[in-house]
Amino acid sequence: MKPNIGINQQNLKKISDILTGVLADGMMLYIKTRKFHWNVSGQSFMEYHKLFESHYKKLEESIDEIAERISKLGFPSIGTTKEFASFSQIKEAPGKNPSSTDMVKELLKDHESVIKTLREKIDECDEKLKDAGTADFLTSLMEDEETLAWTLRRYLD
């Protein structure tokens, strides 16, 4: 049964598509952060290992919430690595294991890219698609992303 929540089906589909991109970005960041957690080494190994673990756990929570939001709007969520890679702006680097500092720089760049996209999508959901609920949801995700980015940035100061 399709939701009857005051947003037409065409706009619900557009919102679902936006959320699918956000989900894909979150999943790709999760995978990359998890890879870095597994492969970090060097003098500050344990600190970075724990940092990346705390970040991927936060991303895991967000990913689940995004997928559930898509479902609440009446659409199925993507769920394969091929789909995540095709819908995400986050790019992988197979076979490469950067230094811990470069890991932080790469994750920071990715988080900041996601933040910029979320800002655009918040406005689109609120103003163009008339979905204040999803705009608020995306705002909360953006705030979480800003915190993760800020934490990474502090390692580079």
Protein backbone atom coordinates (compact mmCIF):
# COMPACT_ATOMS: atom_id res chain seq x y z
CA MET A 1 0.00 0.00 0.00
CA LYS A 2 1.34 3.41 -0.97
CA PRO A 3 1.67 6.02 1.78
CA ASN A 4 -0.95 8.77 1.87
CA ILE A 5 1.04 11.41 3.76
CA GLY A 6 0.33 14.63 1.86
CA ILE A 7 3.15 14.30 -0.69
CA ASN A 8 2.32 13.20 -4.21
CA GLN A 9 3.81 9.99 -5.61
CA GLN A 10 6.09 11.83 -8.04
CA ASN A 11 7.67 13.83 -5.22
CA LEU A 12 7.92 10.75 -3.01
CA LYS A 13 9.92 9.04 -5.78
CA LYS A 14 12.24 12.06 -6.09
CA ILE A 15 12.74 12.07 -2.31
CA SER A 16 13.41 8.34 -2.35
CA ASP A 17 16.02 8.88 -5.07
CA ILE A 18 17.69 11.58 -2.98
CA LEU A 19 17.72 9.29 0.03
CA THR A 20 19.14 6.46 -2.09
CA GLY A 21 22.14 8.65 -2.92
CA VAL A 22 22.54 9.56 0.73
CA LEU A 23 22.31 5.87 1.69
CA ALA A 24 24.92 4.94 -0.92
CA ASP A 25 27.29 7.66 0.32
CA GLY A 26 26.84 6.49 3.89
CA MET A 27 27.51 2.88 2.99
CA MET A 28 30.60 3.72 0.93
CA LEU A 29 31.94 5.85 3.79
CA TYR A 30 31.20 2.98 6.17
CA ILE A 31 33.10 0.50 3.99
CA LYS A 32 36.06 2.86 3.53
CA THR A 33 36.20 3.69 7.25
CA ARG A 34 36.01 0.00 8.12
CA LYS A 35 38.86 -0.76 5.67
CA PHE A 36 40.99 1.95 7.24
CA HIS A 37 40.17 0.61 10.72
CA TRP A 38 41.44 -2.81 9.65
CA ASN A 39 44.55 -1.55 7.89
CA VAL A 40 45.81 1.40 9.91
CA SER A 41 49.32 1.00 11.29
CA GLY A 42 52.10 3.08 12.74
CA GLN A 43 52.95 4.96 15.88
CA SER A 44 49.38 6.01 16.73
CA PHE A 45 47.81 2.73 15.59
CA MET A 46 45.46 2.23 18.53
CA GLU A 47 44.22 5.81 18.58
CA TYR A 48 43.34 5.73 14.86
CA HIS A 49 41.98 2.20 15.15
CA LYS A 50 39.55 3.33 17.86
CA LEU A 51 38.72 6.58 16.04
CA PHE A 52 37.77 4.76 12.85
CA GLU A 53 35.76 2.21 14.85
CA SER A 54 33.73 4.94 16.56
CA HIS A 55 33.09 6.54 13.16
CA TYR A 56 31.97 3.39 11.37
CA LYS A 57 29.63 2.55 14.25
CA LYS A 58 28.01 5.99 13.93
CA LEU A 59 27.76 5.56 10.16
CA GLU A 60 26.17 2.14 10.64
CA GLU A 61 23.38 3.69 12.72
CA SER A 62 22.78 6.39 10.11
CA ILE A 63 22.71 3.90 7.26
CA ASP A 64 19.95 1.92 8.96
CA GLU A 65 17.91 5.07 9.61
CA ILE A 66 18.24 6.18 5.98
CA ALA A 67 17.12 2.80 4.63
CA GLU A 68 14.14 2.84 7.00
CA ARG A 69 13.21 6.38 5.89
CA ILE A 70 13.14 5.19 2.27
CA SER A 71 10.86 2.34 3.32
CA LYS A 72 8.57 4.72 5.25
CA LEU A 73 8.09 6.66 2.01
CA GLY A 74 6.98 3.47 0.23
CA PHE A 75 10.10 2.42 -1.66
CA PRO A 76 12.61 -0.41 -1.33
CA SER A 77 16.20 0.34 -0.38
CA ILE A 78 19.18 -0.65 -2.44
CA GLY A 79 21.37 -3.22 -0.75
CA THR A 80 24.24 -4.50 -2.87
CA THR A 81 27.78 -3.19 -3.07
CA LYS A 82 27.34 -2.71 -6.82
CA GLU A 83 24.27 -0.51 -6.19
CA PHE A 84 25.99 1.44 -3.44
CA ALA A 85 29.00 2.12 -5.66
CA SER A 86 26.84 3.18 -8.60
CA PHE A 87 24.72 5.64 -6.60
CA SER A 88 27.52 7.12 -4.46
CA GLN A 89 29.79 10.08 -5.04
CA ILE A 90 32.37 8.41 -2.75
CA LYS A 91 35.05 6.61 -4.72
CA GLU A 92 36.97 3.55 -3.64
CA ALA A 93 40.69 2.94 -4.07
CA PRO A 94 41.08 -0.85 -4.24
CA GLY A 95 44.47 -2.20 -3.30
CA LYS A 96 45.64 1.08 -1.77
CA ASN A 97 46.38 1.49 1.92
CA PRO A 98 47.42 5.07 2.63
CA SER A 99 49.27 6.28 5.70
CA SER A 100 47.16 7.04 8.75
CA THR A 101 47.36 10.78 8.04
CA ASP A 102 46.29 10.24 4.44
CA MET A 103 43.44 8.04 5.65
CA VAL A 104 42.21 10.92 7.80
CA LYS A 105 42.58 13.37 4.91
CA GLU A 106 40.67 11.10 2.54
CA LEU A 107 37.83 10.49 4.98
CA LEU A 108 37.63 14.21 5.77
CA LYS A 109 37.38 15.05 2.07
CA ASP A 110 34.60 12.46 1.66
CA HIS A 111 32.64 13.66 4.70
CA GLU A 112 32.89 17.29 3.57
CA SER A 113 31.62 16.27 0.12
CA VAL A 114 28.65 14.52 1.72
CA ILE A 115 27.94 17.58 3.90
CA LYS A 116 27.81 19.84 0.83
CA THR A 117 25.44 17.45 -0.93
CA LEU A 118 23.22 17.17 2.14
CA ARG A 119 22.93 20.98 2.32
CA GLU A 120 21.68 21.04 -1.28
CA LYS A 121 19.27 18.15 -0.74
CA ILE A 122 17.85 19.67 2.46
CA ASP A 123 16.82 22.77 0.52
CA GLU A 124 15.44 20.67 -2.33
CA CYS A 125 13.34 18.49 -0.02
CA ASP A 126 12.04 21.45 1.95
CA GLU A 127 11.42 24.06 -0.74
CA LYS A 128 10.86 22.16 -3.97
CA LEU A 129 9.43 18.82 -2.80
CA LYS A 130 7.56 20.16 0.26
CA ASP A 131 8.82 17.45 2.62
CA ALA A 132 9.79 19.11 5.88
CA GLY A 133 10.18 15.68 7.54
CA THR A 134 12.89 14.52 5.18
CA ALA A 135 14.52 17.97 5.28
CA ASP A 136 14.70 17.68 9.09
CA PHE A 137 15.97 14.11 8.81
CA LEU A 138 18.72 15.18 6.40
CA THR A 139 19.59 18.13 8.66
CA SER A 140 20.18 15.72 11.52
CA LEU A 141 22.37 13.54 9.29
CA MET A 142 24.30 16.62 8.18
CA GLU A 143 24.94 17.64 11.79
CA ASP A 144 26.29 14.15 12.52
CA GLU A 145 28.50 14.35 9.42
CA GLU A 146 29.77 17.76 10.56
CA THR A 147 30.78 16.24 13.89
CA LEU A 148 32.63 13.37 12.20
CA ALA A 149 34.38 15.82 9.86
CA TRP A 150 35.30 18.12 12.74
CA THR A 151 36.83 15.20 14.64
CA LEU A 152 38.92 14.20 11.62
CA ARG A 153 39.93 17.81 10.97
CA ARG A 154 41.28 18.11 14.52
CA TYR A 155 43.81 15.35 13.73
CA LEU A 156 45.18 17.48 10.91
CA ASP A 157 45.55 20.78 12.82
